[in-house]
Amino acid sequence: MEYSDIKRLLDDMGNSKVDSLDIEFPDGTKIKMKKNEAKIIPPEVLTEIENPVVKDITLPAESKEEKSVIPTENCKVVKSPMVGTFYSSPSPKDEPYVKVGDKVKKGDVLCVIEAMKLMNEIESEFDGEIVEICVKNEDMVEYGTPLFKIK
């Protein structure tokens, strides 16, 4: 089968109402074609997408006693050196590299950031104690995103 014949088949199928086509020739050549299915959105859903309804949601109030405020003016911040996915441990089964309250030294591994399928270990730039982990496991981080606060 020539290229022009295949192109004509594609054009004809595109202009027809046929959704799929399977052809098998005597010489063993097989051609299978299937159109992409367009999803039809009902008018009521389309209206909701165009004019979203904003609902007033009241979240439960947190008591000041439950949430301790950590003074951050004396803290040093470890920021993300790249864009990627933050992982607090080397694998899902392992314990996190560090937790709040852990003492760390300069050069200790704090987390891993996956960028372009490469796992990059992020090391502490300072000696001190972890007072806050600013991102959650598997969060996407940007360049300069605060990861840890160390006192």
C-alpha atoms as a PDB file:
ATOM      1  CA  MET A   1       0.000   0.000   0.000  1.00  0.00           C
ATOM      2  CA  GLU A   2       1.408   3.359  -1.007  1.00  0.00           C
ATOM      3  CA  TYR A   3       1.695   6.435   1.197  1.00  0.00           C
ATOM      4  CA  SER A   4      -0.842   8.311  -0.937  1.00  0.00           C
ATOM      5  CA  ASP A   5      -3.351   5.485  -0.416  1.00  0.00           C
ATOM      6  CA  ILE A   6      -2.886   5.609   3.356  1.00  0.00           C
ATOM      7  CA  LYS A   7      -3.232   9.395   3.356  1.00  0.00           C
ATOM      8  CA  ARG A   8      -6.441   9.141   1.328  1.00  0.00           C
ATOM      9  CA  LEU A   9      -7.798   6.559   3.832  1.00  0.00           C
ATOM     10  CA  LEU A  10      -7.033   8.926   6.720  1.00  0.00           C
ATOM     11  CA  ASP A  11      -8.715  11.857   4.969  1.00  0.00           C
ATOM     12  CA  ASP A  12     -11.761   9.782   4.045  1.00  0.00           C
ATOM     13  CA  MET A  13     -12.128   8.515   7.611  1.00  0.00           C
ATOM     14  CA  GLY A  14     -11.779  12.046   8.973  1.00  0.00           C
ATOM     15  CA  ASN A  15     -14.618  13.210   6.743  1.00  0.00           C
ATOM     16  CA  SER A  16     -16.890  10.256   7.504  1.00  0.00           C
ATOM     17  CA  LYS A  17     -19.030   9.276  10.473  1.00  0.00           C
ATOM     18  CA  VAL A  18     -17.060   6.048  10.966  1.00  0.00           C
ATOM     19  CA  ASP A  19     -15.410   5.881  14.422  1.00  0.00           C
ATOM     20  CA  SER A  20     -12.999   3.000  13.812  1.00  0.00           C
ATOM     21  CA  LEU A  21     -11.716   0.967  10.912  1.00  0.00           C
ATOM     22  CA  ASP A  22      -9.804  -2.342  10.792  1.00  0.00           C
ATOM     23  CA  ILE A  23      -8.490  -3.574   7.442  1.00  0.00           C
ATOM     24  CA  GLU A  24      -6.464  -6.723   6.796  1.00  0.00           C
ATOM     25  CA  PHE A  25      -5.004  -7.250   3.344  1.00  0.00           C
ATOM     26  CA  PRO A  26      -4.209 -10.666   1.791  1.00  0.00           C
ATOM     27  CA  ASP A  27      -0.459  -9.957   2.042  1.00  0.00           C
ATOM     28  CA  GLY A  28      -0.788  -9.714   5.869  1.00  0.00           C
ATOM     29  CA  THR A  29      -0.739  -5.916   6.127  1.00  0.00           C
ATOM     30  CA  LYS A  30      -3.105  -4.644   8.808  1.00  0.00           C
ATOM     31  CA  ILE A  31      -4.411  -1.122   9.276  1.00  0.00           C
ATOM     32  CA  LYS A  32      -6.326  -0.056  12.378  1.00  0.00           C
ATOM     33  CA  MET A  33      -7.672   3.466  12.751  1.00  0.00           C
ATOM     34  CA  LYS A  34      -9.762   4.970  15.482  1.00  0.00           C
ATOM     35  CA  LYS A  35     -11.015   8.534  15.847  1.00  0.00           C
ATOM     36  CA  ASN A  36     -10.531  10.439  19.063  1.00  0.00           C
ATOM     37  CA  GLU A  37     -13.779  10.571  20.934  1.00  0.00           C
ATOM     38  CA  ALA A  38     -15.018  14.083  21.586  1.00  0.00           C
ATOM     39  CA  LYS A  39     -16.697  14.430  24.949  1.00  0.00           C
ATOM     40  CA  ILE A  40     -19.997  16.219  24.914  1.00  0.00           C
ATOM     41  CA  ILE A  41     -20.509  18.448  27.923  1.00  0.00           C
ATOM     42  CA  PRO A  42     -24.150  18.899  28.938  1.00  0.00           C
ATOM     43  CA  PRO A  43     -25.308  22.563  28.910  1.00  0.00           C
ATOM     44  CA  GLU A  44     -25.889  22.626  32.676  1.00  0.00           C
ATOM     45  CA  VAL A  45     -22.316  21.498  33.364  1.00  0.00           C
ATOM     46  CA  LEU A  46     -20.949  23.984  30.827  1.00  0.00           C
ATOM     47  CA  THR A  47     -22.881  26.793  32.544  1.00  0.00           C
ATOM     48  CA  GLU A  48     -21.432  25.726  35.889  1.00  0.00           C
ATOM     49  CA  ILE A  49     -17.903  25.774  34.436  1.00  0.00           C
ATOM     50  CA  GLU A  50     -18.409  29.232  32.912  1.00  0.00           C
ATOM     51  CA  ASN A  51     -20.103  30.659  36.043  1.00  0.00           C
ATOM     52  CA  PRO A  52     -18.758  28.760  39.051  1.00  0.00           C
ATOM     53  CA  VAL A  53     -20.754  28.928  42.247  1.00  0.00           C
ATOM     54  CA  VAL A  54     -18.654  30.155  45.148  1.00  0.00           C
ATOM     55  CA  LYS A  55     -19.824  28.753  48.438  1.00  0.00           C
ATOM     56  CA  ASP A  56     -18.988  30.295  51.784  1.00  0.00           C
ATOM     57  CA  ILE A  57     -17.216  27.646  53.819  1.00  0.00           C
ATOM     58  CA  THR A  58     -16.447  28.237  57.451  1.00  0.00           C
ATOM     59  CA  LEU A  59     -13.481  26.296  58.747  1.00  0.00           C
ATOM     60  CA  PRO A  60     -13.291  25.299  62.397  1.00  0.00           C
ATOM     61  CA  ALA A  61     -11.426  27.870  64.435  1.00  0.00           C
ATOM     62  CA  GLU A  62      -8.080  26.788  65.832  1.00  0.00           C
ATOM     63  CA  SER A  63      -7.407  27.640  69.407  1.00  0.00           C
ATOM     64  CA  LYS A  64      -4.166  29.506  70.020  1.00  0.00           C
ATOM     65  CA  GLU A  65      -3.247  26.954  72.684  1.00  0.00           C
ATOM     66  CA  GLU A  66      -3.327  24.071  70.188  1.00  0.00           C
ATOM     67  CA  LYS A  67      -1.039  25.680  67.648  1.00  0.00           C
ATOM     68  CA  SER A  68       2.311  26.791  68.941  1.00  0.00           C
ATOM     69  CA  VAL A  69       3.832  29.710  67.118  1.00  0.00           C
ATOM     70  CA  ILE A  70       7.499  29.223  66.405  1.00  0.00           C
ATOM     71  CA  PRO A  71       9.461  32.457  66.330  1.00  0.00           C
ATOM     72  CA  THR A  72      11.216  32.475  62.983  1.00  0.00           C
ATOM     73  CA  GLU A  73      13.222  35.689  63.179  1.00  0.00           C
ATOM     74  CA  ASN A  74      16.314  33.826  64.467  1.00  0.00           C
ATOM     75  CA  CYS A  75      15.960  30.953  61.985  1.00  0.00           C
ATOM     76  CA  LYS A  76      18.000  30.191  58.906  1.00  0.00           C
ATOM     77  CA  VAL A  77      16.017  28.943  55.916  1.00  0.00           C
ATOM     78  CA  VAL A  78      17.039  26.104  53.600  1.00  0.00           C
ATOM     79  CA  LYS A  79      15.487  26.852  50.204  1.00  0.00           C
ATOM     80  CA  SER A  80      14.948  24.624  47.213  1.00  0.00           C
ATOM     81  CA  PRO A  81      17.785  24.930  44.699  1.00  0.00           C
ATOM     82  CA  MET A  82      15.575  23.626  41.872  1.00  0.00           C
ATOM     83  CA  VAL A  83      12.070  22.902  40.611  1.00  0.00           C
ATOM     84  CA  GLY A  84      10.828  19.400  41.387  1.00  0.00           C
ATOM     85  CA  THR A  85       8.979  17.108  43.781  1.00  0.00           C
ATOM     86  CA  PHE A  86       9.889  17.163  47.491  1.00  0.00           C
ATOM     87  CA  TYR A  87      10.373  13.828  49.259  1.00  0.00           C
ATOM     88  CA  SER A  88      11.070  13.694  52.990  1.00  0.00           C
ATOM     89  CA  SER A  89      12.523  10.157  52.880  1.00  0.00           C
ATOM     90  CA  PRO A  90      14.654   8.092  50.485  1.00  0.00           C
ATOM     91  CA  SER A  91      11.706   5.767  49.731  1.00  0.00           C
ATOM     92  CA  PRO A  92       8.051   5.547  50.781  1.00  0.00           C
ATOM     93  CA  LYS A  93       8.831   2.749  53.275  1.00  0.00           C
ATOM     94  CA  ASP A  94      11.702   4.589  54.985  1.00  0.00           C
ATOM     95  CA  GLU A  95      11.606   7.069  57.842  1.00  0.00           C
ATOM     96  CA  PRO A  96      12.007  10.767  56.953  1.00  0.00           C
ATOM     97  CA  TYR A  97      15.544  12.090  56.838  1.00  0.00           C
ATOM     98  CA  VAL A  98      14.709  14.676  59.534  1.00  0.00           C
ATOM     99  CA  LYS A  99      11.805  15.640  61.799  1.00  0.00           C
ATOM    100  CA  VAL A 100      11.020  18.786  63.745  1.00  0.00           C
ATOM    101  CA  GLY A 101      13.321  18.873  66.760  1.00  0.00           C
ATOM    102  CA  ASP A 102      16.172  16.932  65.122  1.00  0.00           C
ATOM    103  CA  LYS A 103      19.688  18.343  65.413  1.00  0.00           C
ATOM    104  CA  VAL A 104      21.480  18.623  62.075  1.00  0.00           C
ATOM    105  CA  LYS A 105      24.989  19.510  60.987  1.00  0.00           C
ATOM    106  CA  LYS A 106      26.122  21.209  57.818  1.00  0.00           C
ATOM    107  CA  GLY A 107      26.175  18.549  55.080  1.00  0.00           C
ATOM    108  CA  ASP A 108      23.468  16.294  56.588  1.00  0.00           C
ATOM    109  CA  VAL A 109      20.866  15.158  54.042  1.00  0.00           C
ATOM    110  CA  LEU A 110      17.510  16.796  54.780  1.00  0.00           C
ATOM    111  CA  CYS A 111      15.361  15.602  51.862  1.00  0.00           C
ATOM    112  CA  VAL A 112      15.323  14.589  48.213  1.00  0.00           C
ATOM    113  CA  ILE A 113      13.997  16.647  45.314  1.00  0.00           C
ATOM    114  CA  GLU A 114      13.140  14.723  42.170  1.00  0.00           C
ATOM    115  CA  ALA A 115      13.792  16.715  39.021  1.00  0.00           C
ATOM    116  CA  MET A 116      13.662  15.183  35.553  1.00  0.00           C
ATOM    117  CA  LYS A 117      13.692  11.637  36.993  1.00  0.00           C
ATOM    118  CA  LEU A 118      16.847  12.378  39.002  1.00  0.00           C
ATOM    119  CA  MET A 119      16.839  12.191  42.795  1.00  0.00           C
ATOM    120  CA  ASN A 120      18.805  15.129  44.219  1.00  0.00           C
ATOM    121  CA  GLU A 121      19.775  14.993  47.890  1.00  0.00           C
ATOM    122  CA  ILE A 122      19.425  18.373  49.574  1.00  0.00           C
ATOM    123  CA  GLU A 123      21.961  18.901  52.345  1.00  0.00           C
ATOM    124  CA  SER A 124      21.821  21.250  55.299  1.00  0.00           C
ATOM    125  CA  GLU A 125      23.689  24.490  54.821  1.00  0.00           C
ATOM    126  CA  PHE A 126      23.751  25.148  58.578  1.00  0.00           C
ATOM    127  CA  ASP A 127      24.266  23.497  61.969  1.00  0.00           C
ATOM    128  CA  GLY A 128      21.240  23.652  64.256  1.00  0.00           C
ATOM    129  CA  GLU A 129      17.817  22.254  65.098  1.00  0.00           C
ATOM    130  CA  ILE A 130      14.934  21.752  62.659  1.00  0.00           C
ATOM    131  CA  VAL A 131      12.127  24.008  63.903  1.00  0.00           C
ATOM    132  CA  GLU A 132       9.828  23.774  60.886  1.00  0.00           C
ATOM    133  CA  ILE A 133       9.376  21.690  57.759  1.00  0.00           C
ATOM    134  CA  CYS A 134       7.737  24.130  55.353  1.00  0.00           C
ATOM    135  CA  VAL A 135       6.461  21.675  52.703  1.00  0.00           C
ATOM    136  CA  LYS A 136       4.662  18.340  52.755  1.00  0.00           C
ATOM    137  CA  ASN A 137       5.909  15.093  51.292  1.00  0.00           C
ATOM    138  CA  GLU A 138       5.359  14.884  47.508  1.00  0.00           C
ATOM    139  CA  ASP A 139       4.653  18.639  47.177  1.00  0.00           C
ATOM    140  CA  MET A 140       5.864  20.373  44.034  1.00  0.00           C
ATOM    141  CA  VAL A 141       8.487  22.994  44.863  1.00  0.00           C
ATOM    142  CA  GLU A 142       9.857  25.904  42.852  1.00  0.00           C
ATOM    143  CA  TYR A 143      13.328  27.371  42.885  1.00  0.00           C
ATOM    144  CA  GLY A 144      13.688  29.306  46.149  1.00  0.00           C
ATOM    145  CA  THR A 145      10.758  27.638  47.961  1.00  0.00           C
ATOM    146  CA  PRO A 146      11.523  27.486  51.719  1.00  0.00           C
ATOM    147  CA  LEU A 147      11.943  23.827  52.710  1.00  0.00           C
ATOM    148  CA  PHE A 148      13.236  23.910  56.302  1.00  0.00           C
ATOM    149  CA  LYS A 149      13.756  26.432  59.072  1.00  0.00           C
ATOM    150  CA  ILE A 150      16.778  25.750  61.257  1.00  0.00           C
ATOM    151  CA  LYS A 151      17.487  27.492  64.564  1.00  0.00           C
END
